[in-house]
C-alpha atoms as a PDB file:
ATOM      1  CA  MET A   1       0.000   0.000   0.000  1.00  0.00           C
ATOM      2  CA  ASP A   2       2.960   2.364   0.387  1.00  0.00           C
ATOM      3  CA  GLU A   3       2.966   3.352  -3.279  1.00  0.00           C
ATOM      4  CA  CYS A   4      -0.806   3.790  -3.255  1.00  0.00           C
ATOM      5  CA  VAL A   5      -0.556   6.059  -0.241  1.00  0.00           C
ATOM      6  CA  ALA A   6       2.294   7.991  -1.841  1.00  0.00           C
ATOM      7  CA  GLY A   7       0.026   8.696  -4.791  1.00  0.00           C
ATOM      8  CA  THR A   8      -2.437  10.574  -2.590  1.00  0.00           C
ATOM      9  CA  TYR A   9      -0.235  11.800   0.239  1.00  0.00           C
ATOM     10  CA  SER A  10       0.281  15.342  -1.005  1.00  0.00           C
ATOM     11  CA  ALA A  11      -3.459  15.925  -0.906  1.00  0.00           C
ATOM     12  CA  GLY A  12      -3.820  14.457   2.576  1.00  0.00           C
ATOM     13  CA  ILE A  13      -4.014  10.745   3.202  1.00  0.00           C
ATOM     14  CA  HIS A  14      -7.429  10.787   4.837  1.00  0.00           C
ATOM     15  CA  HIS A  15      -9.358  12.971   2.391  1.00  0.00           C
ATOM     16  CA  PRO A  16      -7.477  13.360  -0.919  1.00  0.00           C
ATOM     17  CA  PHE A  17     -10.436  12.297  -3.072  1.00  0.00           C
ATOM     18  CA  ALA A  18     -13.176   9.682  -2.981  1.00  0.00           C
ATOM     19  CA  GLY A  19     -11.579   6.351  -2.221  1.00  0.00           C
ATOM     20  CA  GLY A  20      -8.127   7.841  -1.620  1.00  0.00           C
ATOM     21  CA  PRO A  21      -5.377   5.211  -1.785  1.00  0.00           C
ATOM     22  CA  LEU A  22      -8.048   2.521  -2.142  1.00  0.00           C
ATOM     23  CA  ARG A  23      -8.886   3.723  -5.621  1.00  0.00           C
ATOM     24  CA  ILE A  24      -5.230   3.535  -6.660  1.00  0.00           C
ATOM     25  CA  LEU A  25      -5.088   0.050  -5.128  1.00  0.00           C
ATOM     26  CA  PHE A  26      -8.199  -0.924  -7.102  1.00  0.00           C
ATOM     27  CA  PHE A  27      -6.523  -0.157 -10.424  1.00  0.00           C
ATOM     28  CA  ARG A  28      -3.329  -1.935  -9.323  1.00  0.00           C
ATOM     29  CA  LEU A  29      -5.310  -5.041  -8.422  1.00  0.00           C
ATOM     30  CA  ALA A  30      -7.195  -4.912 -11.708  1.00  0.00           C
ATOM     31  CA  HIS A  31      -3.863  -4.924 -13.514  1.00  0.00           C
ATOM     32  CA  LEU A  32      -2.531  -7.809 -11.411  1.00  0.00           C
ATOM     33  CA  LEU A  33      -5.551  -9.895 -12.436  1.00  0.00           C
ATOM     34  CA  LYS A  34      -4.065 -10.070 -15.920  1.00  0.00           C
ATOM     35  CA  ILE A  35      -0.757 -11.543 -14.735  1.00  0.00           C
ATOM     36  CA  SER A  36      -0.428 -15.321 -14.536  1.00  0.00           C
ATOM     37  CA  ALA A  37       0.749 -15.344 -10.928  1.00  0.00           C
ATOM     38  CA  ASN A  38      -0.735 -15.369  -7.456  1.00  0.00           C
ATOM     39  CA  PHE A  39      -0.168 -12.466  -5.103  1.00  0.00           C
ATOM     40  CA  VAL A  40      -0.009 -12.364  -1.310  1.00  0.00           C
ATOM     41  CA  PHE A  41      -0.201  -8.955   0.363  1.00  0.00           C
ATOM     42  CA  VAL A  42       1.574  -8.842   3.721  1.00  0.00           C
ATOM     43  CA  PHE A  43       0.657  -6.125   6.222  1.00  0.00           C
ATOM     44  CA  ASP A  44       2.664  -4.827   9.176  1.00  0.00           C
ATOM     45  CA  GLY A  45       1.681  -6.247  12.556  1.00  0.00           C
ATOM     46  CA  PRO A  46       1.526  -5.030  16.165  1.00  0.00           C
ATOM     47  CA  ASN A  47       5.181  -5.773  16.973  1.00  0.00           C
ATOM     48  CA  LYS A  48       6.678  -3.549  14.304  1.00  0.00           C
ATOM     49  CA  PRO A  49       9.637  -1.666  15.827  1.00  0.00           C
ATOM     50  CA  GLU A  50       9.919   2.080  16.124  1.00  0.00           C
ATOM     51  CA  LYS A  51      11.029   3.848  12.982  1.00  0.00           C
ATOM     52  CA  ARG A  52      13.837   6.269  13.765  1.00  0.00           C
ATOM     53  CA  GLY A  53      12.602   6.660  17.324  1.00  0.00           C
ATOM     54  CA  ARG A  54       8.928   7.064  16.415  1.00  0.00           C
ATOM     55  CA  ALA A  55       6.481   4.369  17.469  1.00  0.00           C
ATOM     56  CA  VAL A  56       4.786   3.071  14.331  1.00  0.00           C
ATOM     57  CA  ASN A  57       1.654   1.888  16.121  1.00  0.00           C
ATOM     58  CA  SER A  58       1.243   4.926  18.370  1.00  0.00           C
ATOM     59  CA  GLN A  59      -1.671   6.143  16.231  1.00  0.00           C
ATOM     60  CA  PRO A  60      -4.938   4.330  15.503  1.00  0.00           C
ATOM     61  CA  GLN A  61      -4.916   2.137  12.429  1.00  0.00           C
ATOM     62  CA  LEU A  62      -5.483   4.145   9.274  1.00  0.00           C
ATOM     63  CA  TRP A  63      -9.047   3.958   8.001  1.00  0.00           C
ATOM     64  CA  TRP A  64      -8.190   2.230   4.744  1.00  0.00           C
ATOM     65  CA  VAL A  65      -6.325  -0.846   6.069  1.00  0.00           C
ATOM     66  CA  ASP A  66      -9.369  -3.084   6.668  1.00  0.00           C
ATOM     67  CA  ASP A  67     -10.943  -1.893   3.431  1.00  0.00           C
ATOM     68  CA  ALA A  68      -7.704  -2.596   1.567  1.00  0.00           C
ATOM     69  CA  GLN A  69      -7.647  -6.163   2.857  1.00  0.00           C
ATOM     70  CA  ARG A  70     -11.269  -6.706   1.821  1.00  0.00           C
ATOM     71  CA  LEU A  71     -10.592  -5.240  -1.609  1.00  0.00           C
ATOM     72  CA  ILE A  72      -7.525  -7.446  -2.124  1.00  0.00           C
ATOM     73  CA  GLU A  73      -9.438 -10.578  -1.138  1.00  0.00           C
ATOM     74  CA  SER A  74     -12.385  -9.647  -3.357  1.00  0.00           C
ATOM     75  CA  PHE A  75      -9.999  -9.744  -6.323  1.00  0.00           C
ATOM     76  CA  GLY A  76      -9.058 -13.315  -5.400  1.00  0.00           C
ATOM     77  CA  PHE A  77      -5.667 -12.509  -3.888  1.00  0.00           C
ATOM     78  CA  TYR A  78      -4.421 -13.353  -0.415  1.00  0.00           C
ATOM     79  CA  THR A  79      -3.615 -11.261   2.649  1.00  0.00           C
ATOM     80  CA  HIS A  80      -1.437 -12.032   5.638  1.00  0.00           C
ATOM     81  CA  GLU A  81      -0.638  -9.987   8.734  1.00  0.00           C
ATOM     82  CA  ALA A  82       2.940 -10.204   9.938  1.00  0.00           C
ATOM     83  CA  PRO A  83       3.674 -10.095  13.657  1.00  0.00           C
ATOM     84  CA  GLY A  84       6.027  -7.170  13.026  1.00  0.00           C
ATOM     85  CA  GLU A  85       7.689  -5.660   9.972  1.00  0.00           C
ATOM     86  CA  ALA A  86       6.078  -6.844   6.726  1.00  0.00           C
ATOM     87  CA  GLU A  87       9.433  -6.711   4.902  1.00  0.00           C
ATOM     88  CA  ALA A  88      11.021  -9.079   7.406  1.00  0.00           C
ATOM     89  CA  GLU A  89       8.078 -11.473   7.136  1.00  0.00           C
ATOM     90  CA  LEU A  90       8.254 -11.428   3.337  1.00  0.00           C
ATOM     91  CA  ALA A  91      11.959 -12.234   3.449  1.00  0.00           C
ATOM     92  CA  LEU A  92      11.261 -15.161   5.784  1.00  0.00           C
ATOM     93  CA  LEU A  93       8.453 -16.512   3.577  1.00  0.00           C
ATOM     94  CA  ASN A  94      10.787 -16.215   0.591  1.00  0.00           C
ATOM     95  CA  ARG A  95      13.571 -18.136   2.359  1.00  0.00           C
ATOM     96  CA  TRP A  96      11.110 -20.833   3.401  1.00  0.00           C
ATOM     97  CA  GLY A  97       9.869 -21.198  -0.190  1.00  0.00           C
ATOM     98  CA  MET A  98       6.317 -20.167   0.697  1.00  0.00           C
ATOM     99  CA  ILE A  99       6.521 -17.347  -1.851  1.00  0.00           C
ATOM    100  CA  ASP A 100       8.648 -17.375  -5.002  1.00  0.00           C
ATOM    101  CA  ALA A 101       9.638 -13.711  -4.861  1.00  0.00           C
ATOM    102  CA  LEU A 102       8.845 -10.534  -2.978  1.00  0.00           C
ATOM    103  CA  TRP A 103       7.780  -7.414  -4.854  1.00  0.00           C
ATOM    104  CA  THR A 104       8.786  -4.368  -2.870  1.00  0.00           C
ATOM    105  CA  SER A 105      10.303  -0.912  -3.019  1.00  0.00           C
ATOM    106  CA  ASP A 106      12.045  -1.344   0.359  1.00  0.00           C
ATOM    107  CA  SER A 107      15.812  -1.759   0.106  1.00  0.00           C
ATOM    108  CA  ASP A 108      15.932  -3.618   3.443  1.00  0.00           C
ATOM    109  CA  SER A 109      14.628  -6.798   1.806  1.00  0.00           C
ATOM    110  CA  VAL A 110      18.108  -8.193   1.152  1.00  0.00           C
ATOM    111  CA  VAL A 111      19.292  -7.218   4.633  1.00  0.00           C
ATOM    112  CA  PHE A 112      16.366  -9.167   6.085  1.00  0.00           C
ATOM    113  CA  GLY A 113      17.473 -12.181   4.052  1.00  0.00           C
ATOM    114  CA  GLY A 114      15.178 -12.121   1.027  1.00  0.00           C
ATOM    115  CA  HIS A 115      16.441 -14.368  -1.794  1.00  0.00           C
ATOM    116  CA  THR A 116      14.487 -13.210  -4.853  1.00  0.00           C
ATOM    117  CA  ILE A 117      13.311  -9.623  -5.068  1.00  0.00           C
ATOM    118  CA  LEU A 118      11.251  -7.774  -7.669  1.00  0.00           C
ATOM    119  CA  ARG A 119      11.517  -3.995  -7.889  1.00  0.00           C
ATOM    120  CA  THR A 120       9.214  -1.744  -9.884  1.00  0.00           C
ATOM    121  CA  ILE A 121      11.024   0.157 -12.614  1.00  0.00           C
ATOM    122  CA  PRO A 122      10.274   3.918 -12.465  1.00  0.00           C
ATOM    123  CA  SER A 123       7.710   4.810 -15.125  1.00  0.00           C
ATOM    124  CA  LYS A 124      10.133   7.028 -17.063  1.00  0.00           C
ATOM    125  CA  GLU A 125      12.618   4.155 -17.363  1.00  0.00           C
ATOM    126  CA  ARG A 126      10.210   1.460 -18.546  1.00  0.00           C
ATOM    127  CA  ALA A 127      10.561   0.235 -22.098  1.00  0.00           C
ATOM    128  CA  THR A 128       6.881  -0.708 -22.372  1.00  0.00           C
ATOM    129  CA  GLY A 129       5.181   1.471 -19.761  1.00  0.00           C
ATOM    130  CA  ARG A 130       3.613  -1.633 -18.185  1.00  0.00           C
ATOM    131  CA  LEU A 131       3.217  -1.898 -14.418  1.00  0.00           C
ATOM    132  CA  ASP A 132       4.622  -5.434 -14.471  1.00  0.00           C
ATOM    133  CA  GLU A 133       7.896  -4.378 -16.087  1.00  0.00           C
ATOM    134  CA  LEU A 134      10.213  -5.204 -13.204  1.00  0.00           C
ATOM    135  CA  LYS A 135      13.817  -5.694 -12.225  1.00  0.00           C
ATOM    136  CA  LEU A 136      14.670  -9.075 -10.753  1.00  0.00           C
ATOM    137  CA  TYR A 137      17.359  -9.321  -8.104  1.00  0.00           C
ATOM    138  CA  THR A 138      18.656 -12.411  -6.365  1.00  0.00           C
ATOM    139  CA  THR A 139      20.898 -12.563  -3.324  1.00  0.00           C
ATOM    140  CA  GLU A 140      23.661 -14.007  -5.491  1.00  0.00           C
ATOM    141  CA  ASP A 141      23.328 -11.158  -8.021  1.00  0.00           C
ATOM    142  CA  VAL A 142      23.566  -8.521  -5.302  1.00  0.00           C
ATOM    143  CA  HIS A 143      26.601 -10.136  -3.689  1.00  0.00           C
ATOM    144  CA  GLN A 144      28.405 -10.628  -7.006  1.00  0.00           C
ATOM    145  CA  LYS A 145      27.688  -7.191  -8.491  1.00  0.00           C
ATOM    146  CA  LEU A 146      28.264  -5.176  -5.326  1.00  0.00           C
ATOM    147  CA  GLY A 147      30.919  -7.394  -3.799  1.00  0.00           C
ATOM    148  CA  LEU A 148      29.116  -7.209  -0.456  1.00  0.00           C
ATOM    149  CA  ASP A 149      27.765 -10.056   1.637  1.00  0.00           C
ATOM    150  CA  ARG A 150      24.710  -9.757   3.871  1.00  0.00           C
ATOM    151  CA  GLY A 151      26.748  -8.542   6.848  1.00  0.00           C
ATOM    152  CA  GLN A 152      28.381  -5.810   4.791  1.00  0.00           C
ATOM    153  CA  LEU A 153      25.001  -4.780   3.391  1.00  0.00           C
ATOM    154  CA  LEU A 154      23.668  -4.566   6.937  1.00  0.00           C
ATOM    155  CA  LEU A 155      26.613  -2.383   7.973  1.00  0.00           C
ATOM    156  CA  TYR A 156      25.929  -0.202   4.929  1.00  0.00           C
ATOM    157  CA  SER A 157      22.334   0.293   6.110  1.00  0.00           C
ATOM    158  CA  LEU A 158      23.442   1.037   9.662  1.00  0.00           C
ATOM    159  CA  VAL A 159      25.923   3.687   8.504  1.00  0.00           C
ATOM    160  CA  ALA A 160      23.730   5.305   5.854  1.00  0.00           C
ATOM    161  CA  GLY A 161      20.551   5.159   7.937  1.00  0.00           C
ATOM    162  CA  GLY A 162      17.391   3.180   7.397  1.00  0.00           C
ATOM    163  CA  ASP A 163      14.010   2.487   8.901  1.00  0.00           C
ATOM    164  CA  TYR A 164      15.299   2.033  12.439  1.00  0.00           C
ATOM    165  CA  GLY A 165      18.012   4.650  12.770  1.00  0.00           C
ATOM    166  CA  ASN A 166      19.438   7.790  11.217  1.00  0.00           C
ATOM    167  CA  GLY A 167      22.869   6.274  10.687  1.00  0.00           C
ATOM    168  CA  LEU A 168      26.139   7.993  11.480  1.00  0.00           C
ATOM    169  CA  ARG A 169      26.031  11.767  11.820  1.00  0.00           C
ATOM    170  CA  GLY A 170      27.544  13.227   8.687  1.00  0.00           C
ATOM    171  CA  GLY A 171      27.418   9.881   6.956  1.00  0.00           C
ATOM    172  CA  GLY A 172      25.657   8.944   3.767  1.00  0.00           C
ATOM    173  CA  THR A 173      25.749   6.455   0.946  1.00  0.00           C
ATOM    174  CA  ILE A 174      29.355   7.211  -0.053  1.00  0.00           C
ATOM    175  CA  SER A 175      30.728   6.807   3.467  1.00  0.00           C
ATOM    176  CA  ALA A 176      28.543   3.733   3.991  1.00  0.00           C
ATOM    177  CA  SER A 177      29.927   2.112   0.840  1.00  0.00           C
ATOM    178  CA  GLU A 178      33.525   2.867   1.842  1.00  0.00           C
ATOM    179  CA  ILE A 179      33.087   1.403   5.322  1.00  0.00           C
ATOM    180  CA  ALA A 180      31.180  -1.677   4.139  1.00  0.00           C
ATOM    181  CA  ARG A 181      33.887  -2.532   1.570  1.00  0.00           C
ATOM    182  CA  SER A 182      36.770  -1.958   3.978  1.00  0.00           C
ATOM    183  CA  PRO A 183      38.288  -4.451   6.439  1.00  0.00           C
ATOM    184  CA  ILE A 184      35.783  -3.029   8.926  1.00  0.00           C
ATOM    185  CA  GLY A 185      32.937  -4.408   6.827  1.00  0.00           C
ATOM    186  CA  ARG A 186      34.534  -7.829   6.619  1.00  0.00           C
ATOM    187  CA  SER A 187      35.113  -7.935  10.381  1.00  0.00           C
ATOM    188  CA  PHE A 188      31.483  -6.933  10.898  1.00  0.00           C
ATOM    189  CA  SER A 189      30.369  -9.904   8.796  1.00  0.00           C
ATOM    190  CA  SER A 190      32.487 -12.161  10.998  1.00  0.00           C
ATOM    191  CA  LEU A 191      30.812 -10.655  14.063  1.00  0.00           C
ATOM    192  CA  LEU A 192      27.427 -11.822  12.788  1.00  0.00           C
ATOM    193  CA  ASP A 193      28.586 -15.433  12.731  1.00  0.00           C
ATOM    194  CA  GLY A 194      28.341 -15.556  16.530  1.00  0.00           C
ATOM    195  CA  ASP A 195      25.898 -14.428  19.199  1.00  0.00           C
ATOM    196  CA  ILE A 196      25.273 -10.701  19.117  1.00  0.00           C
ATOM    197  CA  ASN A 197      25.386  -9.173  22.575  1.00  0.00           C
ATOM    198  CA  ALA A 198      26.925  -6.145  24.274  1.00  0.00           C
ATOM    199  CA  THR A 199      30.204  -7.973  24.935  1.00  0.00           C
ATOM    200  CA  ALA A 200      30.587  -9.133  21.334  1.00  0.00           C
ATOM    201  CA  LEU A 201      29.739  -5.666  20.035  1.00  0.00           C
ATOM    202  CA  ASP A 202      32.300  -4.021  22.345  1.00  0.00           C
ATOM    203  CA  ALA A 203      34.935  -6.470  21.108  1.00  0.00           C
ATOM    204  CA  TRP A 204      34.121  -5.547  17.501  1.00  0.00           C
ATOM    205  CA  ARG A 205      34.365  -1.829  18.335  1.00  0.00           C
ATOM    206  CA  HIS A 206      37.781  -2.395  19.909  1.00  0.00           C
ATOM    207  CA  GLN A 207      38.920  -4.325  16.825  1.00  0.00           C
ATOM    208  CA  THR A 208      37.602  -1.535  14.604  1.00  0.00           C
ATOM    209  CA  LEU A 209      39.495   1.089  16.607  1.00  0.00           C
ATOM    210  CA  GLU A 210      42.681  -0.921  16.115  1.00  0.00           C
ATOM    211  CA  ILE A 211      42.089  -1.061  12.356  1.00  0.00           C
ATOM    212  CA  LEU A 212      41.459   2.677  12.194  1.00  0.00           C
ATOM    213  CA  SER A 213      44.369   3.596  14.467  1.00  0.00           C
ATOM    214  CA  SER A 214      47.008   1.404  12.863  1.00  0.00           C
ATOM    215  CA  ASN A 215      46.220   2.160   9.217  1.00  0.00           C
ATOM    216  CA  SER A 216      45.987   5.267   7.118  1.00  0.00           C
ATOM    217  CA  ALA A 217      42.608   6.027   5.616  1.00  0.00           C
ATOM    218  CA  ALA A 218      43.843   5.198   2.111  1.00  0.00           C
ATOM    219  CA  ASP A 219      45.276   1.854   3.220  1.00  0.00           C
ATOM    220  CA  ILE A 220      41.837   0.601   4.243  1.00  0.00           C
ATOM    221  CA  GLY A 221      39.893   2.240   1.425  1.00  0.00           C
ATOM    222  CA  LEU A 222      38.432   5.155   3.364  1.00  0.00           C
ATOM    223  CA  SER A 223      38.526   8.868   2.752  1.00  0.00           C
ATOM    224  CA  SER A 224      40.031  10.930   5.574  1.00  0.00           C
ATOM    225  CA  ARG A 225      36.615  12.417   6.198  1.00  0.00           C
ATOM    226  CA  THR A 226      34.959   9.006   6.563  1.00  0.00           C
ATOM    227  CA  LYS A 227      37.714   7.724   8.846  1.00  0.00           C
ATOM    228  CA  ASN A 228      37.536  10.751  11.158  1.00  0.00           C
ATOM    229  CA  MET A 229      33.742  10.655  11.246  1.00  0.00           C
ATOM    230  CA  PHE A 230      33.734   6.967  12.137  1.00  0.00           C
ATOM    231  CA  LEU A 231      36.394   7.391  14.834  1.00  0.00           C
ATOM    232  CA  LYS A 232      34.300  10.024  16.593  1.00  0.00           C
ATOM    233  CA  GLN A 233      31.200   7.812  16.775  1.00  0.00           C
ATOM    234  CA  ILE A 234      32.450   4.236  17.041  1.00  0.00           C
ATOM    235  CA  ASP A 235      31.987   4.167  20.838  1.00  0.00           C
ATOM    236  CA  SER A 236      28.207   4.044  20.435  1.00  0.00           C
ATOM    237  CA  PHE A 237      27.870   2.563  16.960  1.00  0.00           C
ATOM    238  CA  PRO A 238      25.879   0.615  16.115  1.00  0.00           C
ATOM    239  CA  SER A 239      22.968   0.624  18.515  1.00  0.00           C
ATOM    240  CA  ILE A 240      22.468  -2.952  19.666  1.00  0.00           C
ATOM    241  CA  GLU A 241      18.699  -2.372  19.616  1.00  0.00           C
ATOM    242  CA  VAL A 242      18.753  -1.280  15.974  1.00  0.00           C
ATOM    243  CA  LEU A 243      21.042  -4.181  15.115  1.00  0.00           C
ATOM    244  CA  GLN A 244      18.700  -6.687  16.764  1.00  0.00           C
ATOM    245  CA  ASN A 245      15.744  -5.232  14.842  1.00  0.00           C
ATOM    246  CA  TYR A 246      17.482  -6.289  11.642  1.00  0.00           C
ATOM    247  CA  LEU A 247      18.914  -9.594  12.840  1.00  0.00           C
ATOM    248  CA  HIS A 248      16.011 -10.859  14.933  1.00  0.00           C
ATOM    249  CA  PRO A 249      12.820  -9.200  13.679  1.00  0.00           C
ATOM    250  CA  SER A 250       9.388 -10.328  14.792  1.00  0.00           C
ATOM    251  CA  THR A 251       8.292 -12.886  12.198  1.00  0.00           C
ATOM    252  CA  SER A 252       6.274 -16.077  12.019  1.00  0.00           C
ATOM    253  CA  PHE A 253       9.459 -17.876  13.064  1.00  0.00           C
ATOM    254  CA  SER A 254       9.532 -16.105  16.433  1.00  0.00           C
ATOM    255  CA  HIS A 255       5.719 -15.877  16.682  1.00  0.00           C
ATOM    256  CA  PRO A 256       4.362 -19.215  15.355  1.00  0.00           C
ATOM    257  CA  SER A 257       0.761 -18.159  15.985  1.00  0.00           C
ATOM    258  CA  TYR A 258       1.155 -15.860  12.963  1.00  0.00           C
ATOM    259  CA  LEU A 259       2.191 -18.674  10.627  1.00  0.00           C
ATOM    260  CA  PRO A 260       0.076 -18.317   7.487  1.00  0.00           C
ATOM    261  CA  ASP A 261      -2.057 -21.097   6.073  1.00  0.00           C
ATOM    262  CA  ALA A 262      -0.196 -21.072   2.781  1.00  0.00           C
ATOM    263  CA  ASP A 263      -1.553 -24.321   1.355  1.00  0.00           C
ATOM    264  CA  ASN A 264      -3.948 -22.434  -0.915  1.00  0.00           C
ATOM    265  CA  TRP A 265      -1.512 -19.791  -2.078  1.00  0.00           C
ATOM    266  CA  CYS A 266      -0.686 -21.838  -5.168  1.00  0.00           C
ATOM    267  CA  SER A 267      -4.335 -22.146  -6.231  1.00  0.00           C
ATOM    268  CA  ILE A 268      -6.015 -19.563  -8.433  1.00  0.00           C
ATOM    269  CA  GLN A 269      -9.017 -17.955  -6.750  1.00  0.00           C
ATOM    270  CA  GLN A 270     -11.729 -16.381  -8.848  1.00  0.00           C
ATOM    271  CA  PRO A 271     -12.493 -12.707  -8.208  1.00  0.00           C
ATOM    272  CA  ASP A 272     -15.748 -12.122  -6.328  1.00  0.00           C
ATOM    273  CA  VAL A 273     -17.347  -9.691  -8.765  1.00  0.00           C
ATOM    274  CA  ALA A 274     -20.366  -8.952  -6.568  1.00  0.00           C
ATOM    275  CA  ARG A 275     -18.065  -8.094  -3.685  1.00  0.00           C
ATOM    276  CA  ILE A 276     -15.897  -5.885  -5.909  1.00  0.00           C
ATOM    277  CA  VAL A 277     -18.983  -3.990  -7.068  1.00  0.00           C
ATOM    278  CA  GLY A 278     -20.144  -3.555  -3.476  1.00  0.00           C
ATOM    279  CA  ILE A 279     -16.804  -2.098  -2.384  1.00  0.00           C
ATOM    280  CA  CYS A 280     -16.723   0.183  -5.427  1.00  0.00           C
ATOM    281  CA  ARG A 281     -20.104   1.599  -4.497  1.00  0.00           C
ATOM    282  CA  GLN A 282     -19.539   1.840  -0.765  1.00  0.00           C
ATOM    283  CA  ARG A 283     -15.897   2.896  -0.500  1.00  0.00           C
ATOM    284  CA  LEU A 284     -14.594   4.141  -3.855  1.00  0.00           C
ATOM    285  CA  GLY A 285     -17.081   6.871  -4.653  1.00  0.00           C
ATOM    286  CA  TRP A 286     -18.804   5.177  -7.587  1.00  0.00           C
ATOM    287  CA  SER A 287     -22.228   4.756  -5.990  1.00  0.00           C
ATOM    288  CA  ARG A 288     -24.081   7.554  -7.764  1.00  0.00           C
ATOM    289  CA  ASN A 289     -23.028   6.888 -11.318  1.00  0.00           C
ATOM    290  CA  SER A 290     -23.775   3.333 -12.453  1.00  0.00           C
ATOM    291  CA  SER A 291     -22.623   4.018 -15.991  1.00  0.00           C
ATOM    292  CA  LYS A 292     -19.274   5.234 -14.666  1.00  0.00           C
ATOM    293  CA  LEU A 293     -18.890   2.059 -12.599  1.00  0.00           C
ATOM    294  CA  ARG A 294     -19.817  -0.147 -15.555  1.00  0.00           C
ATOM    295  CA  GLY A 295     -17.204   1.620 -17.647  1.00  0.00           C
ATOM    296  CA  VAL A 296     -14.527   1.166 -14.978  1.00  0.00           C
ATOM    297  CA  LEU A 297     -15.289  -2.552 -14.711  1.00  0.00           C
ATOM    298  CA  ARG A 298     -15.444  -3.024 -18.479  1.00  0.00           C
ATOM    299  CA  ASN A 299     -12.161  -1.212 -19.127  1.00  0.00           C
ATOM    300  CA  ASN A 300     -10.175  -2.552 -16.179  1.00  0.00           C
ATOM    301  CA  VAL A 301     -11.626  -5.692 -14.605  1.00  0.00           C
ATOM    302  CA  TRP A 302     -13.457  -7.972 -17.053  1.00  0.00           C
ATOM    303  CA  GLU A 303     -10.361  -8.955 -19.035  1.00  0.00           C
ATOM    304  CA  GLY A 304      -8.604 -10.006 -15.841  1.00  0.00           C
ATOM    305  CA  VAL A 305     -11.646 -11.964 -14.650  1.00  0.00           C
ATOM    306  CA  ILE A 306     -11.618 -14.011 -17.867  1.00  0.00           C
ATOM    307  CA  ILE A 307      -7.853 -14.570 -17.621  1.00  0.00           C
ATOM    308  CA  ARG A 308      -8.174 -15.804 -14.013  1.00  0.00           C
ATOM    309  CA  LEU A 309     -10.975 -18.135 -15.071  1.00  0.00           C
ATOM    310  CA  ILE A 310      -8.773 -19.620 -17.793  1.00  0.00           C
ATOM    311  CA  LEU A 311      -5.831 -19.902 -15.392  1.00  0.00           C
ATOM    312  CA  SER A 312      -7.919 -21.627 -12.727  1.00  0.00           C
ATOM    313  CA  VAL A 313      -9.252 -24.187 -15.224  1.00  0.00           C
ATOM    314  CA  SER A 314      -5.732 -24.813 -16.553  1.00  0.00           C
ATOM    315  CA  HIS A 315      -4.447 -25.238 -12.987  1.00  0.00           C
ATOM    316  CA  GLU A 316      -7.187 -27.751 -12.173  1.00  0.00           C
ATOM    317  CA  HIS A 317      -6.311 -29.836 -15.233  1.00  0.00           C
ATOM    318  CA  THR A 318      -2.606 -29.875 -14.360  1.00  0.00           C
ATOM    319  CA  GLN A 319      -3.486 -31.202 -10.885  1.00  0.00           C
ATOM    320  CA  LEU A 320      -5.415 -34.194 -12.289  1.00  0.00           C
END
């Protein structure tokens, strides 16, 4: 829903226009109907950590969340609530083979351990202009092209700043890349092989100080600015709480009661047209103009309904 919300945010998330982000979601779902794949939408749960010191769940749930879940299910797709961060849950489901890939705009997916990641190509860069024109990344591709393993990527996120912290003061992507590629990054990866606690983190900081003190900046691949900045902040970097949020997020692994019933995720569900029409009339602002609603359905939904029908019949025959 993040991209749908972004589409209406400048006008005010609660009252941008009739239907708000739900209407954008409607057209996205209508497009997904035409793709020969199943989709599972994972929502953040109650144990999502603070984002940069701000409690995510400190405000009441936004009005559109329940409606979004109903709309998704009416199109024949699946929903699942994670115990915490949706990105971490998606990465876990991907590692377990419960989903083939995760489609996200969040760069933390690899850090959380996602194996196969789909990223939307910005509209100006698409060759066809289609929503399903994507970039496919695998863990192996990322490691080979960037020369960074998961530990180094995590250190990059911690230095540059991400969802859970602002990173090093004065840092940024350039400094983060330098540090992650340096011997400091490799020692950080080794740190992750053991138990992460205050003692282990202090030992890594001491080792890092030795590396910085006994080598010139150039010898370890750092600029003088990056080296000096890191030296000034290493005593408190990284926050063990932020580190644990990445390494041990709340997922179905740590909260088995949230384990999804994924047995049906491989089966094609037919859209519930009557339910779609009801939501369109009640929540998307198309209640007063039946001809408008008919036009929206004709131009956006019917083709996908037929495709899903064909796919479901084909799937049934392959199971015989």
